[in-house]
N, C-alpha and C. Protein backbone atom coordinates (compact mmCIF):
# COMPACT_ATOMS: atom_id res chain seq x y z
N UNK A 1 0.85 -1.19 0.00
CA UNK A 1 0.00 0.00 0.00
C UNK A 1 0.90 1.25 0.00
N UNK A 2 0.64 2.19 -0.91
CA UNK A 2 1.48 3.39 -0.99
C UNK A 2 1.49 4.16 0.34
N UNK A 3 2.66 4.75 0.65
CA UNK A 3 2.80 5.48 1.91
C UNK A 3 1.81 6.66 2.01
N UNK A 4 1.62 7.33 0.87
CA UNK A 4 0.71 8.49 0.93
C UNK A 4 -0.73 8.06 1.22
N UNK A 5 -1.11 6.87 0.75
CA UNK A 5 -2.44 6.35 1.03
C UNK A 5 -2.57 5.99 2.51
N UNK A 6 -1.51 5.39 3.06
CA UNK A 6 -1.51 5.09 4.50
C UNK A 6 -1.63 6.35 5.32
N UNK A 7 -0.93 7.39 4.88
CA UNK A 7 -1.00 8.68 5.60
C UNK A 7 -2.41 9.25 5.57
N UNK A 8 -3.06 9.15 4.40
CA UNK A 8 -4.43 9.66 4.28
C UNK A 8 -5.38 8.89 5.19
N UNK A 9 -5.24 7.55 5.17
CA UNK A 9 -6.11 6.72 6.02
C UNK A 9 -5.87 7.03 7.49
N UNK A 10 -4.58 7.17 7.86
CA UNK A 10 -4.26 7.51 9.24
C UNK A 10 -4.80 8.86 9.63
N UNK A 11 -4.72 9.84 8.72
CA UNK A 11 -5.25 11.17 9.01
C UNK A 11 -6.75 11.17 9.18
N UNK A 12 -7.43 10.42 8.31
CA UNK A 12 -8.89 10.32 8.40
C UNK A 12 -9.30 9.65 9.71
N UNK A 13 -8.57 8.57 10.07
CA UNK A 13 -8.88 7.85 11.31
C UNK A 13 -8.66 8.74 12.53
N UNK A 14 -7.57 9.51 12.51
CA UNK A 14 -7.27 10.42 13.62
C UNK A 14 -8.34 11.50 13.73
N UNK A 15 -8.72 12.05 12.57
CA UNK A 15 -9.75 13.08 12.57
C UNK A 15 -11.09 12.53 13.08
N UNK A 16 -11.39 11.29 12.66
CA UNK A 16 -12.62 10.65 13.12
C UNK A 16 -12.61 10.43 14.62
N UNK A 17 -11.45 10.02 15.14
CA UNK A 17 -11.33 9.80 16.58
C UNK A 17 -11.51 11.11 17.34
N UNK A 18 -10.88 12.17 16.85
CA UNK A 18 -10.98 13.47 17.52
C UNK A 18 -12.43 13.98 17.50
N UNK A 19 -13.09 13.81 16.36
CA UNK A 19 -14.49 14.26 16.25
C UNK A 19 -15.39 13.45 17.19
N UNK A 20 -15.17 12.12 17.25
CA UNK A 20 -15.98 11.27 18.11
C UNK A 20 -15.75 11.62 19.58
N UNK A 21 -14.47 11.85 19.95
CA UNK A 21 -14.16 12.20 21.33
C UNK A 21 -14.76 13.56 21.69
N UNK A 22 -14.70 14.50 20.75
CA UNK A 22 -15.26 15.83 20.99
C UNK A 22 -16.77 15.75 21.16
N UNK A 23 -17.42 14.92 20.34
CA UNK A 23 -18.86 14.75 20.43
C UNK A 23 -19.25 14.15 21.77
N UNK A 24 -18.52 13.11 22.18
CA UNK A 24 -18.82 12.46 23.46
C UNK A 24 -18.63 13.43 24.62
N UNK A 25 -17.58 14.24 24.55
CA UNK A 25 -17.33 15.23 25.61
C UNK A 25 -18.46 16.25 25.64
N UNK A 26 -18.88 16.71 24.46
CA UNK A 26 -19.96 17.70 24.41
C UNK A 26 -21.26 17.13 24.96
N UNK A 27 -21.56 15.88 24.61
CA UNK A 27 -22.80 15.26 25.08
C UNK A 27 -22.82 15.11 26.60
N UNK A 28 -21.66 14.84 27.19
CA UNK A 28 -21.61 14.61 28.64
C UNK A 28 -21.28 15.85 29.44
N UNK A 29 -20.47 16.77 28.88
CA UNK A 29 -20.02 17.92 29.66
C UNK A 29 -20.25 19.27 28.97
N UNK A 30 -20.79 19.24 27.77
CA UNK A 30 -21.01 20.48 27.05
C UNK A 30 -22.25 21.23 27.53
N UNK A 31 -22.43 22.44 27.03
CA UNK A 31 -23.57 23.27 27.44
C UNK A 31 -24.28 23.85 26.23
N UNK A 32 -25.59 24.00 26.37
CA UNK A 32 -26.41 24.70 25.38
C UNK A 32 -27.16 25.79 26.13
N UNK A 33 -26.91 27.03 25.78
CA UNK A 33 -27.60 28.13 26.46
C UNK A 33 -28.03 29.24 25.52
N UNK A 34 -28.00 28.98 24.21
CA UNK A 34 -28.46 29.98 23.25
C UNK A 34 -29.93 30.29 23.49
N UNK A 35 -30.27 31.56 23.61
CA UNK A 35 -31.63 31.95 23.96
C UNK A 35 -32.66 31.49 22.93
N UNK A 36 -32.27 31.42 21.67
CA UNK A 36 -33.23 31.03 20.64
C UNK A 36 -33.16 29.56 20.27
N UNK A 37 -32.52 28.75 21.10
CA UNK A 37 -32.32 27.34 20.75
C UNK A 37 -33.63 26.61 20.51
N UNK A 38 -34.61 26.80 21.39
CA UNK A 38 -35.88 26.07 21.26
C UNK A 38 -36.63 26.44 19.99
N UNK A 39 -36.36 27.64 19.48
CA UNK A 39 -37.06 28.10 18.28
C UNK A 39 -36.65 27.35 17.02
N UNK A 40 -35.61 26.53 17.10
CA UNK A 40 -35.23 25.74 15.94
C UNK A 40 -36.34 24.75 15.58
N UNK A 41 -37.07 24.27 16.60
CA UNK A 41 -38.09 23.24 16.36
C UNK A 41 -39.52 23.75 16.56
N UNK A 42 -39.70 24.72 17.41
CA UNK A 42 -41.05 25.19 17.69
C UNK A 42 -40.98 26.61 18.26
N UNK A 43 -42.12 27.24 18.38
CA UNK A 43 -42.17 28.57 18.96
C UNK A 43 -41.90 28.48 20.46
N UNK A 44 -40.99 29.31 20.94
CA UNK A 44 -40.72 29.35 22.38
C UNK A 44 -41.71 30.32 23.03
N UNK A 45 -42.29 29.90 24.14
CA UNK A 45 -43.34 30.70 24.77
C UNK A 45 -42.87 31.49 25.99
N UNK A 46 -41.65 31.23 26.44
CA UNK A 46 -41.19 31.86 27.67
C UNK A 46 -39.86 32.57 27.46
N UNK A 47 -39.66 33.63 28.22
CA UNK A 47 -38.45 34.43 28.11
C UNK A 47 -37.32 33.73 28.88
N UNK A 48 -36.31 33.24 28.21
CA UNK A 48 -35.24 32.51 28.91
C UNK A 48 -34.44 33.38 29.87
N UNK A 49 -34.49 34.69 29.68
CA UNK A 49 -33.78 35.58 30.61
C UNK A 49 -34.37 35.51 32.01
N UNK A 50 -35.65 35.17 32.11
CA UNK A 50 -36.31 35.15 33.42
C UNK A 50 -35.88 33.96 34.27
N UNK A 51 -35.36 32.92 33.65
CA UNK A 51 -34.97 31.74 34.42
C UNK A 51 -33.53 31.31 34.14
N UNK A 52 -32.76 32.20 33.51
CA UNK A 52 -31.37 31.87 33.17
C UNK A 52 -30.50 31.79 34.42
N UNK A 53 -29.42 31.05 34.33
CA UNK A 53 -28.45 30.95 35.42
C UNK A 53 -27.96 32.34 35.79
N UNK A 54 -27.97 32.65 37.08
CA UNK A 54 -27.50 33.95 37.55
C UNK A 54 -26.04 33.84 37.96
N UNK A 55 -25.17 34.46 37.19
CA UNK A 55 -23.74 34.36 37.44
C UNK A 55 -23.27 35.31 38.53
N UNK A 56 -24.16 36.17 39.02
CA UNK A 56 -23.76 37.16 40.02
C UNK A 56 -23.73 36.60 41.43
N UNK A 57 -24.25 35.38 41.62
CA UNK A 57 -24.37 34.86 42.98
C UNK A 57 -23.19 33.98 43.40
N UNK A 58 -22.08 34.06 42.65
CA UNK A 58 -20.82 33.43 43.04
C UNK A 58 -20.89 31.90 43.04
N UNK A 59 -21.82 31.34 42.28
CA UNK A 59 -21.92 29.89 42.18
C UNK A 59 -21.18 29.41 40.94
N UNK A 60 -20.71 28.17 40.99
CA UNK A 60 -20.07 27.59 39.81
C UNK A 60 -21.12 27.27 38.76
N UNK A 61 -20.87 27.72 37.55
CA UNK A 61 -21.84 27.51 36.48
C UNK A 61 -21.82 26.06 36.02
N UNK A 62 -22.97 25.40 35.99
CA UNK A 62 -23.00 23.99 35.58
C UNK A 62 -22.95 23.87 34.06
N UNK A 63 -22.76 22.66 33.60
CA UNK A 63 -22.84 22.38 32.17
C UNK A 63 -24.15 21.66 31.90
N UNK A 64 -24.50 21.57 30.63
CA UNK A 64 -25.74 20.88 30.26
C UNK A 64 -26.70 21.80 29.54
N UNK A 65 -27.98 21.45 29.59
CA UNK A 65 -29.02 22.25 28.94
C UNK A 65 -29.39 23.41 29.87
N UNK A 66 -28.87 24.59 29.55
CA UNK A 66 -29.07 25.76 30.40
C UNK A 66 -30.17 26.67 29.86
N UNK A 67 -30.87 26.22 28.88
CA UNK A 67 -31.99 26.99 28.33
C UNK A 67 -33.15 26.04 28.06
N UNK A 68 -34.34 26.59 27.92
CA UNK A 68 -35.50 25.78 27.57
C UNK A 68 -36.23 25.16 28.74
N UNK A 69 -35.80 25.43 29.97
CA UNK A 69 -36.43 24.79 31.14
C UNK A 69 -37.94 25.00 31.16
N UNK A 70 -38.38 26.22 30.97
CA UNK A 70 -39.80 26.54 31.08
C UNK A 70 -40.62 25.95 29.94
N UNK A 71 -39.99 25.68 28.81
CA UNK A 71 -40.73 25.13 27.68
C UNK A 71 -41.24 23.72 27.98
N UNK A 72 -40.45 22.93 28.71
CA UNK A 72 -40.85 21.57 29.07
C UNK A 72 -41.46 21.49 30.46
N UNK A 73 -41.18 22.48 31.30
CA UNK A 73 -41.66 22.46 32.68
C UNK A 73 -42.40 23.76 33.02
N UNK A 74 -43.50 24.04 32.30
CA UNK A 74 -44.19 25.32 32.51
C UNK A 74 -44.84 25.46 33.88
N UNK A 75 -45.35 24.37 34.45
CA UNK A 75 -45.98 24.49 35.78
C UNK A 75 -44.97 24.83 36.87
N UNK A 76 -43.83 24.12 36.95
CA UNK A 76 -42.83 24.53 37.94
C UNK A 76 -42.35 25.96 37.72
N UNK A 77 -42.26 26.37 36.45
CA UNK A 77 -41.84 27.74 36.15
C UNK A 77 -42.85 28.75 36.68
N UNK A 78 -44.13 28.46 36.47
CA UNK A 78 -45.18 29.36 36.99
C UNK A 78 -45.14 29.42 38.51
N UNK A 79 -44.89 28.29 39.16
CA UNK A 79 -44.78 28.26 40.62
C UNK A 79 -43.57 29.07 41.09
N UNK A 80 -42.47 28.92 40.37
CA UNK A 80 -41.26 29.68 40.69
C UNK A 80 -41.52 31.18 40.60
N UNK A 81 -42.28 31.61 39.57
CA UNK A 81 -42.55 33.04 39.40
C UNK A 81 -43.41 33.60 40.52
N UNK A 82 -44.12 32.72 41.23
CA UNK A 82 -44.94 33.19 42.35
C UNK A 82 -44.26 33.05 43.69
N UNK A 83 -42.98 32.67 43.68
CA UNK A 83 -42.27 32.40 44.93
C UNK A 83 -41.41 33.58 45.36
N UNK A 84 -40.93 33.51 46.59
CA UNK A 84 -40.06 34.56 47.13
C UNK A 84 -38.71 34.57 46.43
N UNK A 85 -38.32 33.45 45.83
CA UNK A 85 -37.05 33.43 45.11
C UNK A 85 -37.12 34.26 43.83
N UNK A 86 -38.30 34.39 43.26
CA UNK A 86 -38.46 35.20 42.04
C UNK A 86 -38.86 36.63 42.40
N UNK A 87 -39.85 36.76 43.26
CA UNK A 87 -40.32 38.09 43.69
C UNK A 87 -39.47 38.58 44.85
N UNK A 88 -38.22 38.85 44.59
CA UNK A 88 -37.31 39.28 45.63
C UNK A 88 -36.86 40.71 45.40
N UNK A 89 -36.66 41.44 46.48
CA UNK A 89 -36.14 42.80 46.37
C UNK A 89 -34.67 42.80 45.97
N UNK A 90 -34.00 41.68 46.23
CA UNK A 90 -32.59 41.56 45.87
C UNK A 90 -32.49 41.01 44.44
N UNK A 91 -32.74 41.88 43.48
CA UNK A 91 -32.82 41.48 42.08
C UNK A 91 -31.54 40.79 41.62
N UNK A 92 -30.39 41.27 42.08
CA UNK A 92 -29.13 40.66 41.66
C UNK A 92 -28.96 39.24 42.19
N UNK A 93 -29.71 38.90 43.23
CA UNK A 93 -29.58 37.59 43.85
C UNK A 93 -30.61 36.59 43.35
N UNK A 94 -31.50 37.01 42.47
CA UNK A 94 -32.56 36.12 42.00
C UNK A 94 -31.97 34.93 41.23
N UNK A 95 -32.26 33.70 41.66
CA UNK A 95 -31.68 32.54 40.97
C UNK A 95 -32.45 32.18 39.71
N UNK A 96 -31.79 31.46 38.83
CA UNK A 96 -32.46 30.85 37.70
C UNK A 96 -32.70 29.38 38.01
N UNK A 97 -33.33 28.68 37.10
CA UNK A 97 -33.66 27.26 37.35
C UNK A 97 -32.41 26.45 37.71
N UNK A 98 -31.34 26.62 36.91
CA UNK A 98 -30.17 25.77 37.13
C UNK A 98 -29.24 26.29 38.21
N UNK A 99 -29.61 27.39 38.87
CA UNK A 99 -28.92 27.75 40.11
C UNK A 99 -29.33 26.79 41.22
N UNK A 100 -30.56 26.28 41.12
CA UNK A 100 -31.11 25.42 42.18
C UNK A 100 -31.23 23.96 41.77
N UNK A 101 -31.36 23.69 40.48
CA UNK A 101 -31.54 22.32 40.00
C UNK A 101 -30.43 21.95 39.04
N UNK A 102 -29.90 20.75 39.20
CA UNK A 102 -28.88 20.27 38.26
C UNK A 102 -29.51 20.08 36.89
N UNK A 103 -28.97 20.71 35.86
CA UNK A 103 -29.59 20.61 34.53
C UNK A 103 -29.36 19.25 33.88
N UNK A 104 -30.21 18.94 32.91
CA UNK A 104 -29.98 17.74 32.11
C UNK A 104 -28.68 17.90 31.33
N UNK A 105 -27.91 16.84 31.21
CA UNK A 105 -26.78 16.88 30.28
C UNK A 105 -27.35 16.90 28.86
N UNK A 106 -26.54 17.31 27.90
CA UNK A 106 -27.01 17.31 26.51
C UNK A 106 -27.41 15.89 26.11
N UNK A 107 -26.63 14.91 26.55
CA UNK A 107 -26.94 13.51 26.24
C UNK A 107 -28.30 13.11 26.78
N UNK A 108 -28.57 13.41 28.06
CA UNK A 108 -29.85 13.04 28.65
C UNK A 108 -31.01 13.77 27.99
N UNK A 109 -30.78 15.02 27.61
CA UNK A 109 -31.83 15.77 26.92
C UNK A 109 -32.17 15.10 25.59
N UNK A 110 -31.14 14.73 24.83
CA UNK A 110 -31.38 14.04 23.56
C UNK A 110 -32.06 12.69 23.78
N UNK A 111 -31.64 12.00 24.83
CA UNK A 111 -32.24 10.69 25.14
C UNK A 111 -33.73 10.84 25.42
N UNK A 112 -34.09 11.84 26.24
CA UNK A 112 -35.50 12.06 26.55
C UNK A 112 -36.28 12.46 25.29
N UNK A 113 -35.69 13.34 24.49
CA UNK A 113 -36.40 13.88 23.33
C UNK A 113 -36.64 12.83 22.25
N UNK A 114 -35.62 11.99 21.99
CA UNK A 114 -35.68 11.16 20.79
C UNK A 114 -35.61 9.65 21.03
N UNK A 115 -35.21 9.24 22.22
CA UNK A 115 -35.02 7.81 22.43
C UNK A 115 -35.76 7.26 23.65
N UNK A 116 -36.58 8.08 24.28
CA UNK A 116 -37.37 7.64 25.43
C UNK A 116 -38.82 8.08 25.23
N UNK A 117 -39.51 7.45 24.29
CA UNK A 117 -40.85 7.93 23.92
C UNK A 117 -41.83 7.96 25.09
N UNK A 118 -41.77 6.99 26.00
CA UNK A 118 -42.71 6.97 27.12
C UNK A 118 -42.44 8.13 28.08
N UNK A 119 -41.16 8.38 28.37
CA UNK A 119 -40.80 9.49 29.27
C UNK A 119 -41.15 10.83 28.63
N UNK A 120 -40.88 10.97 27.33
CA UNK A 120 -41.17 12.22 26.65
C UNK A 120 -42.68 12.45 26.55
N UNK A 121 -43.43 11.39 26.29
CA UNK A 121 -44.89 11.51 26.24
C UNK A 121 -45.43 11.94 27.61
N UNK A 122 -44.84 11.42 28.67
CA UNK A 122 -45.24 11.79 30.03
C UNK A 122 -45.07 13.29 30.26
N UNK A 123 -43.95 13.82 29.79
CA UNK A 123 -43.71 15.27 29.91
C UNK A 123 -44.75 16.04 29.11
N UNK A 124 -44.97 15.63 27.88
CA UNK A 124 -45.89 16.35 27.01
C UNK A 124 -47.33 16.30 27.53
N UNK A 125 -47.76 15.13 27.99
CA UNK A 125 -49.12 15.00 28.52
C UNK A 125 -49.30 15.87 29.76
N UNK A 126 -48.27 15.92 30.61
CA UNK A 126 -48.39 16.69 31.86
C UNK A 126 -48.54 18.18 31.60
N UNK A 127 -48.04 18.66 30.46
CA UNK A 127 -48.16 20.08 30.13
C UNK A 127 -49.62 20.45 29.90
N UNK A 128 -50.38 19.54 29.32
CA UNK A 128 -51.76 19.84 28.94
C UNK A 128 -52.81 19.22 29.87
N UNK A 129 -52.41 18.23 30.64
CA UNK A 129 -53.35 17.55 31.54
C UNK A 129 -52.97 17.88 32.98
N UNK A 130 -53.65 18.86 33.55
CA UNK A 130 -53.26 19.35 34.87
C UNK A 130 -53.48 18.30 35.96
N UNK A 131 -54.52 17.46 35.81
CA UNK A 131 -54.75 16.40 36.79
C UNK A 131 -53.60 15.41 36.79
N UNK A 132 -53.16 15.02 35.60
CA UNK A 132 -52.03 14.10 35.47
C UNK A 132 -50.77 14.74 36.06
N UNK A 133 -50.60 16.04 35.80
CA UNK A 133 -49.45 16.75 36.34
C UNK A 133 -49.47 16.73 37.87
N UNK A 134 -50.59 17.10 38.45
CA UNK A 134 -50.67 17.24 39.91
C UNK A 134 -50.62 15.89 40.63
N UNK A 135 -51.25 14.88 40.05
CA UNK A 135 -51.36 13.61 40.76
C UNK A 135 -50.24 12.62 40.45
N UNK A 136 -49.62 12.76 39.28
CA UNK A 136 -48.60 11.79 38.88
C UNK A 136 -47.19 12.38 38.76
N UNK A 137 -47.07 13.42 37.95
CA UNK A 137 -45.74 13.91 37.60
C UNK A 137 -45.14 14.77 38.70
N UNK A 138 -45.91 15.73 39.23
CA UNK A 138 -45.37 16.61 40.26
C UNK A 138 -44.84 15.84 41.48
N UNK A 139 -45.61 14.89 42.05
CA UNK A 139 -45.07 14.14 43.20
C UNK A 139 -43.80 13.37 42.87
N UNK A 140 -43.73 12.84 41.65
CA UNK A 140 -42.55 12.08 41.24
C UNK A 140 -41.33 12.99 41.14
N UNK A 141 -41.49 14.16 40.51
CA UNK A 141 -40.38 15.09 40.38
C UNK A 141 -39.96 15.64 41.74
N UNK A 142 -40.95 15.91 42.61
CA UNK A 142 -40.63 16.40 43.95
C UNK A 142 -39.81 15.38 44.73
N UNK A 143 -40.18 14.11 44.63
CA UNK A 143 -39.45 13.05 45.33
C UNK A 143 -38.01 12.96 44.84
N UNK A 144 -37.82 13.03 43.52
CA UNK A 144 -36.47 12.95 42.96
C UNK A 144 -35.62 14.15 43.39
N UNK A 145 -36.22 15.34 43.34
CA UNK A 145 -35.48 16.55 43.73
C UNK A 145 -35.10 16.50 45.20
N UNK A 146 -36.00 16.04 46.05
CA UNK A 146 -35.71 15.99 47.48
C UNK A 146 -34.59 15.00 47.80
N UNK A 147 -34.61 13.85 47.14
CA UNK A 147 -33.54 12.88 47.35
C UNK A 147 -32.19 13.47 46.93
N UNK A 148 -32.19 14.19 45.80
CA UNK A 148 -30.96 14.84 45.33
C UNK A 148 -30.45 15.84 46.37
N UNK A 149 -31.33 16.67 46.91
CA UNK A 149 -30.92 17.67 47.89
C UNK A 149 -30.46 17.01 49.19
N UNK A 150 -31.13 15.94 49.59
CA UNK A 150 -30.71 15.24 50.81
C UNK A 150 -29.33 14.64 50.62
N UNK A 151 -29.10 14.00 49.47
CA UNK A 151 -27.82 13.34 49.21
C UNK A 151 -26.64 14.31 49.25
N UNK A 152 -26.82 15.49 48.64
CA UNK A 152 -25.67 16.42 48.58
C UNK A 152 -25.73 17.49 49.67
N UNK A 153 -26.57 17.24 50.71
CA UNK A 153 -26.66 18.16 51.86
C UNK A 153 -27.05 19.57 51.43
N UNK A 154 -27.95 19.65 50.47
CA UNK A 154 -28.47 20.95 50.00
C UNK A 154 -27.34 21.87 49.54
N UNK A 155 -26.41 21.30 48.81
CA UNK A 155 -25.21 22.04 48.40
C UNK A 155 -25.54 23.33 47.65
N UNK A 156 -26.48 23.26 46.70
CA UNK A 156 -26.77 24.44 45.89
C UNK A 156 -27.40 25.56 46.72
N UNK A 157 -28.22 25.19 47.70
CA UNK A 157 -28.79 26.20 48.60
C UNK A 157 -27.68 26.96 49.32
N UNK A 158 -26.76 26.20 49.87
CA UNK A 158 -25.68 26.80 50.65
C UNK A 158 -24.69 27.54 49.77
N UNK A 159 -24.47 27.04 48.55
CA UNK A 159 -23.58 27.74 47.64
C UNK A 159 -24.03 29.17 47.41
N UNK A 160 -25.32 29.37 47.35
CA UNK A 160 -25.86 30.72 47.14
C UNK A 160 -25.96 31.50 48.45
N UNK A 161 -26.65 30.94 49.43
CA UNK A 161 -26.96 31.69 50.64
C UNK A 161 -25.74 31.98 51.51
N UNK A 162 -24.84 31.03 51.64
CA UNK A 162 -23.66 31.27 52.48
C UNK A 162 -22.64 32.16 51.78
N UNK A 163 -22.43 31.94 50.49
CA UNK A 163 -21.44 32.74 49.77
C UNK A 163 -21.87 34.19 49.62
N UNK A 164 -23.16 34.44 49.67
CA UNK A 164 -23.66 35.80 49.49
C UNK A 164 -24.17 36.42 50.79
N UNK A 165 -23.77 35.83 51.91
CA UNK A 165 -24.16 36.35 53.23
C UNK A 165 -25.67 36.54 53.35
N UNK A 166 -26.39 35.56 52.82
CA UNK A 166 -27.85 35.63 52.85
C UNK A 166 -28.42 34.49 53.69
N UNK A 167 -27.70 34.17 54.74
CA UNK A 167 -28.13 33.15 55.68
C UNK A 167 -28.33 33.81 57.04
N UNK A 168 -29.41 33.45 57.73
CA UNK A 168 -29.73 34.11 59.00
C UNK A 168 -29.58 33.12 60.16
N UNK A 169 -28.40 33.08 60.76
CA UNK A 169 -28.17 32.12 61.85
C UNK A 169 -28.97 32.43 63.11
N UNK A 170 -29.52 33.65 63.19
CA UNK A 170 -30.26 34.02 64.40
C UNK A 170 -31.67 33.41 64.45
N UNK A 171 -32.14 32.87 63.34
CA UNK A 171 -33.45 32.23 63.34
C UNK A 171 -33.43 31.03 64.29
N UNK A 172 -34.47 30.91 65.07
CA UNK A 172 -34.49 29.89 66.13
C UNK A 172 -34.20 28.50 65.61
N UNK A 173 -34.82 28.11 64.53
CA UNK A 173 -34.62 26.75 63.99
C UNK A 173 -33.19 26.58 63.47
N UNK A 174 -32.65 27.64 62.89
CA UNK A 174 -31.27 27.59 62.43
C UNK A 174 -30.31 27.42 63.62
N UNK A 175 -30.58 28.16 64.67
CA UNK A 175 -29.74 28.05 65.87
C UNK A 175 -29.72 26.61 66.39
N UNK A 176 -30.90 26.02 66.47
CA UNK A 176 -31.01 24.65 66.98
C UNK A 176 -30.25 23.67 66.09
N UNK A 177 -30.33 23.86 64.78
CA UNK A 177 -29.65 22.96 63.86
C UNK A 177 -28.14 23.13 63.95
N UNK A 178 -27.68 24.37 64.06
CA UNK A 178 -26.23 24.63 64.16
C UNK A 178 -25.66 24.01 65.43
N UNK A 179 -26.44 23.98 66.49
CA UNK A 179 -25.99 23.35 67.73
C UNK A 179 -25.71 21.86 67.53
N UNK A 180 -26.44 21.27 66.60
CA UNK A 180 -26.27 19.84 66.31
C UNK A 180 -25.10 19.60 65.36
N UNK A 181 -25.07 20.33 64.24
CA UNK A 181 -24.06 20.07 63.21
C UNK A 181 -22.79 20.92 63.39
N UNK A 182 -22.87 21.92 64.29
CA UNK A 182 -21.72 22.75 64.69
C UNK A 182 -21.39 23.90 63.74
N UNK A 183 -21.67 23.77 62.45
CA UNK A 183 -21.38 24.86 61.53
C UNK A 183 -22.39 24.87 60.39
N UNK A 184 -22.73 26.08 59.88
CA UNK A 184 -23.77 26.20 58.84
C UNK A 184 -23.50 25.36 57.60
N UNK A 185 -22.22 25.19 57.25
CA UNK A 185 -21.87 24.44 56.04
C UNK A 185 -22.35 23.00 56.09
N UNK A 186 -22.61 22.48 57.27
CA UNK A 186 -23.04 21.09 57.42
C UNK A 186 -24.56 20.94 57.54
N UNK A 187 -25.26 22.04 57.50
CA UNK A 187 -26.73 21.97 57.58
C UNK A 187 -27.30 21.37 56.30
N UNK A 188 -28.47 20.76 56.41
CA UNK A 188 -29.16 20.22 55.24
C UNK A 188 -30.51 20.94 55.12
N UNK A 189 -30.52 21.99 54.32
CA UNK A 189 -31.66 22.91 54.24
C UNK A 189 -32.98 22.23 53.90
N UNK A 190 -32.91 21.19 53.07
CA UNK A 190 -34.12 20.55 52.57
C UNK A 190 -34.93 19.90 53.69
N UNK A 191 -34.32 19.67 54.84
CA UNK A 191 -35.04 19.08 55.97
C UNK A 191 -36.26 19.92 56.34
N UNK A 192 -36.14 21.23 56.18
CA UNK A 192 -37.26 22.13 56.51
C UNK A 192 -37.83 22.83 55.28
N UNK A 193 -36.96 23.18 54.34
CA UNK A 193 -37.38 24.02 53.21
C UNK A 193 -37.69 23.19 51.98
N UNK A 194 -38.70 22.32 52.08
CA UNK A 194 -39.01 21.44 50.94
C UNK A 194 -40.25 21.84 50.19
N UNK A 195 -40.98 22.83 50.63
CA UNK A 195 -42.10 23.37 49.83
C UNK A 195 -41.91 24.88 49.71
N UNK A 196 -40.68 25.27 49.45
CA UNK A 196 -40.33 26.68 49.50
C UNK A 196 -40.63 27.43 48.21
N UNK A 197 -40.33 26.81 47.07
CA UNK A 197 -40.44 27.49 45.78
C UNK A 197 -41.62 26.98 44.97
N UNK A 198 -41.83 25.66 44.98
CA UNK A 198 -42.88 25.08 44.16
C UNK A 198 -44.10 24.71 45.01
N UNK A 199 -45.18 24.37 44.33
CA UNK A 199 -46.44 24.05 45.01
C UNK A 199 -46.24 22.92 46.01
N UNK A 200 -47.03 22.95 47.06
CA UNK A 200 -46.87 22.01 48.16
C UNK A 200 -47.12 20.56 47.73
N UNK A 201 -46.19 19.70 48.12
CA UNK A 201 -46.33 18.26 47.92
C UNK A 201 -45.97 17.60 49.24
N UNK A 202 -46.85 16.74 49.71
CA UNK A 202 -46.58 16.05 50.98
C UNK A 202 -45.32 15.20 50.86
N UNK A 203 -44.55 15.19 51.94
CA UNK A 203 -43.33 14.37 51.96
C UNK A 203 -43.56 13.26 52.97
N UNK A 204 -44.29 12.25 52.54
CA UNK A 204 -44.72 11.19 53.44
C UNK A 204 -43.57 10.30 53.92
N UNK A 205 -42.55 10.12 53.10
CA UNK A 205 -41.43 9.26 53.49
C UNK A 205 -40.21 10.08 53.90
N UNK A 206 -40.44 11.28 54.39
CA UNK A 206 -39.34 12.17 54.75
C UNK A 206 -38.37 11.51 55.73
N UNK A 207 -38.89 10.93 56.80
CA UNK A 207 -38.04 10.32 57.81
C UNK A 207 -37.17 9.23 57.22
N UNK A 208 -37.77 8.38 56.38
CA UNK A 208 -37.03 7.28 55.77
C UNK A 208 -35.94 7.78 54.84
N UNK A 209 -36.25 8.82 54.04
CA UNK A 209 -35.29 9.36 53.11
C UNK A 209 -34.11 10.00 53.85
N UNK A 210 -34.40 10.78 54.88
CA UNK A 210 -33.33 11.41 55.65
C UNK A 210 -32.44 10.38 56.33
N UNK A 211 -33.04 9.30 56.81
CA UNK A 211 -32.25 8.26 57.46
C UNK A 211 -31.43 7.45 56.46
N UNK A 212 -31.97 7.26 55.27
CA UNK A 212 -31.30 6.44 54.26
C UNK A 212 -30.10 7.15 53.66
N UNK A 213 -30.24 8.47 53.42
CA UNK A 213 -29.17 9.20 52.74
C UNK A 213 -28.39 10.13 53.67
């Protein structure tokens, strides 16, 4: 085989490897945050600036799908807009969705959109069927979010409130908790603040979840 042909094949193989590695990295660690991204497929109904990651609160910016949250999750977005986290006098401190929730990776977003028809149908039905949303989807999402917050000791809450001096240790319940854990960094906010931003959902297995994780 001619040397120049071997060089071409080697170059093509190397380029293919680099492209594949780059794609895999983007799918797992890349970010999509273009404001008009959702408009490629359909009309976007919500202003992404209202729920965008707030870089002013000294938190580490996550990777993943950083736009389009409200398009797939309009009910949680509406609840967020009615909460103290949105209607705050401290405008610079107002969080976006991914300040508080770990975003989907690009890979998981693609998986839900194109390769998980039952999960995607569940999302779509919940947007239009409020009974299904309230009785099936909301409790399921609340349970998953609470387990996540319990597991990481409410890291995202503390990343914002402690770093920005927006924690009130003088509150009676906070005082009692600090006496147990010794320092605010070890507190687990979700133990008390689990119906803070979104509509109320009973946490019937709270004791079991806290003990397990």
